[in-house]
Amino acid sequence: MSVLYPLIQALVLFAVAPLLSGITRVARAPLA
């Protein structure tokens, strides 16, 4: 199970990164 943890963490990281960038863009758009 200890081998699956880093894989799951990496998948979550790659999945959340675009979402965070998209959220920041949407949040900064009205302010700009």
C-alpha atoms as a PDB file:
ATOM      1  CA  MET A   1       0.000   0.000   0.000  1.00  0.00           C
ATOM      2  CA  SER A   2       2.949   2.302   0.646  1.00  0.00           C
ATOM      3  CA  VAL A   3       3.744   2.129  -3.084  1.00  0.00           C
ATOM      4  CA  LEU A   4       0.276   3.282  -4.134  1.00  0.00           C
ATOM      5  CA  TYR A   5       0.329   6.374  -1.905  1.00  0.00           C
ATOM      6  CA  PRO A   6       2.909   8.357  -3.962  1.00  0.00           C
ATOM      7  CA  LEU A   7       1.110   7.396  -7.189  1.00  0.00           C
ATOM      8  CA  ILE A   8      -2.245   8.596  -5.853  1.00  0.00           C
ATOM      9  CA  GLN A   9      -0.615  11.760  -4.504  1.00  0.00           C
ATOM     10  CA  ALA A  10       0.946  12.471  -7.920  1.00  0.00           C
ATOM     11  CA  LEU A  11      -2.363  11.886  -9.728  1.00  0.00           C
ATOM     12  CA  VAL A  12      -4.189  14.203  -7.316  1.00  0.00           C
ATOM     13  CA  LEU A  13      -1.462  16.822  -7.750  1.00  0.00           C
ATOM     14  CA  PHE A  14      -1.723  16.718 -11.567  1.00  0.00           C
ATOM     15  CA  ALA A  15      -5.533  16.849 -11.335  1.00  0.00           C
ATOM     16  CA  VAL A  16      -5.648  19.782  -8.886  1.00  0.00           C
ATOM     17  CA  ALA A  17      -2.925  21.898 -10.543  1.00  0.00           C
ATOM     18  CA  PRO A  18      -5.031  22.869 -13.621  1.00  0.00           C
ATOM     19  CA  LEU A  19      -8.079  23.470 -11.427  1.00  0.00           C
ATOM     20  CA  LEU A  20      -6.139  25.841  -9.165  1.00  0.00           C
ATOM     21  CA  SER A  21      -4.700  27.720 -12.157  1.00  0.00           C
ATOM     22  CA  GLY A  22      -8.184  28.022 -13.658  1.00  0.00           C
ATOM     23  CA  ILE A  23      -9.664  29.253 -10.365  1.00  0.00           C
ATOM     24  CA  THR A  24      -6.921  31.860  -9.970  1.00  0.00           C
ATOM     25  CA  ARG A  25      -7.524  33.074 -13.541  1.00  0.00           C
ATOM     26  CA  VAL A  26     -11.274  33.381 -12.937  1.00  0.00           C
ATOM     27  CA  ALA A  27     -10.653  35.126  -9.609  1.00  0.00           C
ATOM     28  CA  ARG A  28      -8.150  37.604 -11.075  1.00  0.00           C
ATOM     29  CA  ALA A  29     -10.193  38.353 -14.226  1.00  0.00           C
ATOM     30  CA  PRO A  30     -12.830  40.569 -12.516  1.00  0.00           C
ATOM     31  CA  LEU A  31     -10.140  42.330 -10.447  1.00  0.00           C
ATOM     32  CA  ALA A  32      -7.971  43.202 -13.458  1.00  0.00           C
END
